[in-house]
């Protein structure tokens, strides 16, 4: 995968609004072959409408992200914290109490290799 140098003015990237079970997620996405970079803003009281098994690199820019795992574990990430996981190694969903802004990087490089 070859990715050229690219400076991104995120304010110029169109956003897509996605409804959760509760609340909304506003996503600005840059897509390359095998790589997706997103700025996501979750509204207060957001709850994802699905369990996600994709791999991600996540960095919380603002607010407090609550990560629920299907097995009952919960992780709370505050601004300045991150998490990473490969595809298929976690079943997780996002939840918030207040506004949260984060950057998410995912793609083919996170596929689990057996």
C-alpha atoms as a PDB file:
ATOM      1  CA  UNK A   1       0.000   0.000   0.000  1.00  0.00           C
ATOM      2  CA  UNK A   2       1.483   3.326  -1.064  1.00  0.00           C
ATOM      3  CA  UNK A   3      -0.071   6.486   0.329  1.00  0.00           C
ATOM      4  CA  UNK A   4       1.143   9.846  -0.951  1.00  0.00           C
ATOM      5  CA  UNK A   5       1.675  12.837   1.326  1.00  0.00           C
ATOM      6  CA  UNK A   6      -1.677  14.485   1.937  1.00  0.00           C
ATOM      7  CA  UNK A   7      -2.535  17.392   4.229  1.00  0.00           C
ATOM      8  CA  UNK A   8      -6.204  17.274   5.219  1.00  0.00           C
ATOM      9  CA  UNK A   9      -8.371  20.264   6.103  1.00  0.00           C
ATOM     10  CA  UNK A  10     -11.049  18.290   7.934  1.00  0.00           C
ATOM     11  CA  UNK A  11     -13.432  21.266   7.841  1.00  0.00           C
ATOM     12  CA  UNK A  12     -13.581  20.775   4.047  1.00  0.00           C
ATOM     13  CA  UNK A  13     -14.404  17.047   4.210  1.00  0.00           C
ATOM     14  CA  UNK A  14     -18.178  16.447   3.943  1.00  0.00           C
ATOM     15  CA  UNK A  15     -19.752  14.834   6.962  1.00  0.00           C
ATOM     16  CA  UNK A  16     -22.167  11.936   7.087  1.00  0.00           C
ATOM     17  CA  UNK A  17     -24.645  11.650   9.953  1.00  0.00           C
ATOM     18  CA  UNK A  18     -25.373   8.160  11.255  1.00  0.00           C
ATOM     19  CA  UNK A  19     -28.053   7.400  13.837  1.00  0.00           C
ATOM     20  CA  UNK A  20     -27.182   5.179  16.752  1.00  0.00           C
ATOM     21  CA  UNK A  21     -29.654   3.333  18.932  1.00  0.00           C
ATOM     22  CA  UNK A  22     -29.639   6.696  20.693  1.00  0.00           C
ATOM     23  CA  UNK A  23     -27.864   9.859  19.577  1.00  0.00           C
ATOM     24  CA  UNK A  24     -25.924  10.475  16.375  1.00  0.00           C
ATOM     25  CA  UNK A  25     -22.425  10.110  14.955  1.00  0.00           C
ATOM     26  CA  UNK A  26     -21.051  12.681  12.515  1.00  0.00           C
ATOM     27  CA  UNK A  27     -18.253  11.206  10.387  1.00  0.00           C
ATOM     28  CA  UNK A  28     -15.766  12.863   8.048  1.00  0.00           C
ATOM     29  CA  UNK A  29     -13.940  10.204   6.035  1.00  0.00           C
ATOM     30  CA  UNK A  30     -10.835  10.009   3.870  1.00  0.00           C
ATOM     31  CA  UNK A  31     -10.654   6.709   1.974  1.00  0.00           C
ATOM     32  CA  UNK A  32      -7.567   5.214   0.323  1.00  0.00           C
ATOM     33  CA  UNK A  33      -7.106   1.701  -1.010  1.00  0.00           C
ATOM     34  CA  UNK A  34      -6.846  -0.382   2.173  1.00  0.00           C
ATOM     35  CA  UNK A  35      -6.921   2.615   4.539  1.00  0.00           C
ATOM     36  CA  UNK A  36      -9.751   4.667   6.031  1.00  0.00           C
ATOM     37  CA  UNK A  37      -9.200   7.731   8.238  1.00  0.00           C
ATOM     38  CA  UNK A  38     -12.146   9.313  10.043  1.00  0.00           C
ATOM     39  CA  UNK A  39     -12.909  12.131  12.423  1.00  0.00           C
ATOM     40  CA  UNK A  40     -16.013  11.087  14.331  1.00  0.00           C
ATOM     41  CA  UNK A  41     -18.101  13.283  16.616  1.00  0.00           C
ATOM     42  CA  UNK A  42     -20.576  11.476  18.858  1.00  0.00           C
ATOM     43  CA  UNK A  43     -23.484  13.392  20.340  1.00  0.00           C
ATOM     44  CA  UNK A  44     -24.248  13.193  24.042  1.00  0.00           C
ATOM     45  CA  UNK A  45     -25.995   9.933  24.980  1.00  0.00           C
ATOM     46  CA  UNK A  46     -24.849   8.109  21.840  1.00  0.00           C
ATOM     47  CA  UNK A  47     -25.087   4.316  21.748  1.00  0.00           C
ATOM     48  CA  UNK A  48     -23.940   2.399  18.661  1.00  0.00           C
ATOM     49  CA  UNK A  49     -26.644   0.315  17.026  1.00  0.00           C
ATOM     50  CA  UNK A  50     -24.381  -2.723  16.497  1.00  0.00           C
ATOM     51  CA  UNK A  51     -21.483  -4.711  17.912  1.00  0.00           C
ATOM     52  CA  UNK A  52     -18.392  -4.012  15.807  1.00  0.00           C
ATOM     53  CA  UNK A  53     -15.728  -6.639  15.131  1.00  0.00           C
ATOM     54  CA  UNK A  54     -13.522  -4.534  12.850  1.00  0.00           C
ATOM     55  CA  UNK A  55     -10.056  -3.500  13.891  1.00  0.00           C
ATOM     56  CA  UNK A  56      -9.334   0.152  14.641  1.00  0.00           C
ATOM     57  CA  UNK A  57      -6.720   2.562  15.913  1.00  0.00           C
ATOM     58  CA  UNK A  58      -8.717   5.093  17.962  1.00  0.00           C
ATOM     59  CA  UNK A  59      -7.485   8.306  19.593  1.00  0.00           C
ATOM     60  CA  UNK A  60      -9.890  10.362  21.712  1.00  0.00           C
ATOM     61  CA  UNK A  61      -9.478  14.072  20.989  1.00  0.00           C
ATOM     62  CA  UNK A  62     -12.235  15.432  23.225  1.00  0.00           C
ATOM     63  CA  UNK A  63     -14.684  14.026  25.765  1.00  0.00           C
ATOM     64  CA  UNK A  64     -14.993  10.551  27.240  1.00  0.00           C
ATOM     65  CA  UNK A  65     -15.614   7.441  25.124  1.00  0.00           C
ATOM     66  CA  UNK A  66     -17.158   4.411  26.793  1.00  0.00           C
ATOM     67  CA  UNK A  67     -16.288   1.175  25.008  1.00  0.00           C
ATOM     68  CA  UNK A  68     -18.588  -1.713  25.832  1.00  0.00           C
ATOM     69  CA  UNK A  69     -17.531  -5.252  24.959  1.00  0.00           C
ATOM     70  CA  UNK A  70     -20.032  -7.982  24.198  1.00  0.00           C
ATOM     71  CA  UNK A  71     -18.477 -10.089  26.989  1.00  0.00           C
ATOM     72  CA  UNK A  72     -19.445  -7.393  29.542  1.00  0.00           C
ATOM     73  CA  UNK A  73     -16.112  -5.594  29.911  1.00  0.00           C
ATOM     74  CA  UNK A  74     -16.143  -1.794  29.779  1.00  0.00           C
ATOM     75  CA  UNK A  75     -13.260   0.591  29.014  1.00  0.00           C
ATOM     76  CA  UNK A  76     -13.480   4.345  29.503  1.00  0.00           C
ATOM     77  CA  UNK A  77     -11.152   6.454  27.382  1.00  0.00           C
ATOM     78  CA  UNK A  78     -10.661  10.144  28.135  1.00  0.00           C
ATOM     79  CA  UNK A  79      -9.174  12.793  25.857  1.00  0.00           C
ATOM     80  CA  UNK A  80      -5.558  11.873  25.107  1.00  0.00           C
ATOM     81  CA  UNK A  81      -6.163   8.118  25.430  1.00  0.00           C
ATOM     82  CA  UNK A  82      -6.329   5.542  22.645  1.00  0.00           C
ATOM     83  CA  UNK A  83      -7.037   1.914  21.895  1.00  0.00           C
ATOM     84  CA  UNK A  84      -6.096  -0.472  19.114  1.00  0.00           C
ATOM     85  CA  UNK A  85      -7.368  -3.885  18.052  1.00  0.00           C
ATOM     86  CA  UNK A  86      -7.135  -6.098  14.967  1.00  0.00           C
ATOM     87  CA  UNK A  87     -10.147  -7.352  13.016  1.00  0.00           C
ATOM     88  CA  UNK A  88     -12.071 -10.141  14.735  1.00  0.00           C
ATOM     89  CA  UNK A  89     -10.332  -9.875  18.122  1.00  0.00           C
ATOM     90  CA  UNK A  90     -13.061  -7.893  19.895  1.00  0.00           C
ATOM     91  CA  UNK A  91     -16.806  -7.375  19.702  1.00  0.00           C
ATOM     92  CA  UNK A  92     -17.277  -3.797  20.892  1.00  0.00           C
ATOM     93  CA  UNK A  93     -19.547  -0.760  20.636  1.00  0.00           C
ATOM     94  CA  UNK A  94     -19.248   2.904  21.539  1.00  0.00           C
ATOM     95  CA  UNK A  95     -21.333   4.793  24.070  1.00  0.00           C
ATOM     96  CA  UNK A  96     -21.137   8.353  25.389  1.00  0.00           C
ATOM     97  CA  UNK A  97     -22.579  10.456  28.162  1.00  0.00           C
ATOM     98  CA  UNK A  98     -21.421  13.788  26.695  1.00  0.00           C
ATOM     99  CA  UNK A  99     -20.015  14.990  23.370  1.00  0.00           C
ATOM    100  CA  UNK A 100     -16.968  13.015  22.110  1.00  0.00           C
ATOM    101  CA  UNK A 101     -14.612  13.681  19.200  1.00  0.00           C
ATOM    102  CA  UNK A 102     -12.071  11.102  18.048  1.00  0.00           C
ATOM    103  CA  UNK A 103      -9.908  10.043  15.138  1.00  0.00           C
ATOM    104  CA  UNK A 104     -10.207   6.491  13.842  1.00  0.00           C
ATOM    105  CA  UNK A 105      -7.814   4.741  11.474  1.00  0.00           C
ATOM    106  CA  UNK A 106      -8.619   1.324  10.082  1.00  0.00           C
ATOM    107  CA  UNK A 107      -8.069  -0.825   7.037  1.00  0.00           C
ATOM    108  CA  UNK A 108      -6.480  -3.891   5.555  1.00  0.00           C
ATOM    109  CA  UNK A 109      -3.369  -3.645   7.763  1.00  0.00           C
ATOM    110  CA  UNK A 110      -5.517  -4.636  10.791  1.00  0.00           C
ATOM    111  CA  UNK A 111      -6.673  -7.947   9.370  1.00  0.00           C
ATOM    112  CA  UNK A 112      -5.836 -10.844  11.674  1.00  0.00           C
ATOM    113  CA  UNK A 113      -3.295 -13.232  10.236  1.00  0.00           C
ATOM    114  CA  UNK A 114      -3.488 -16.808  11.471  1.00  0.00           C
END
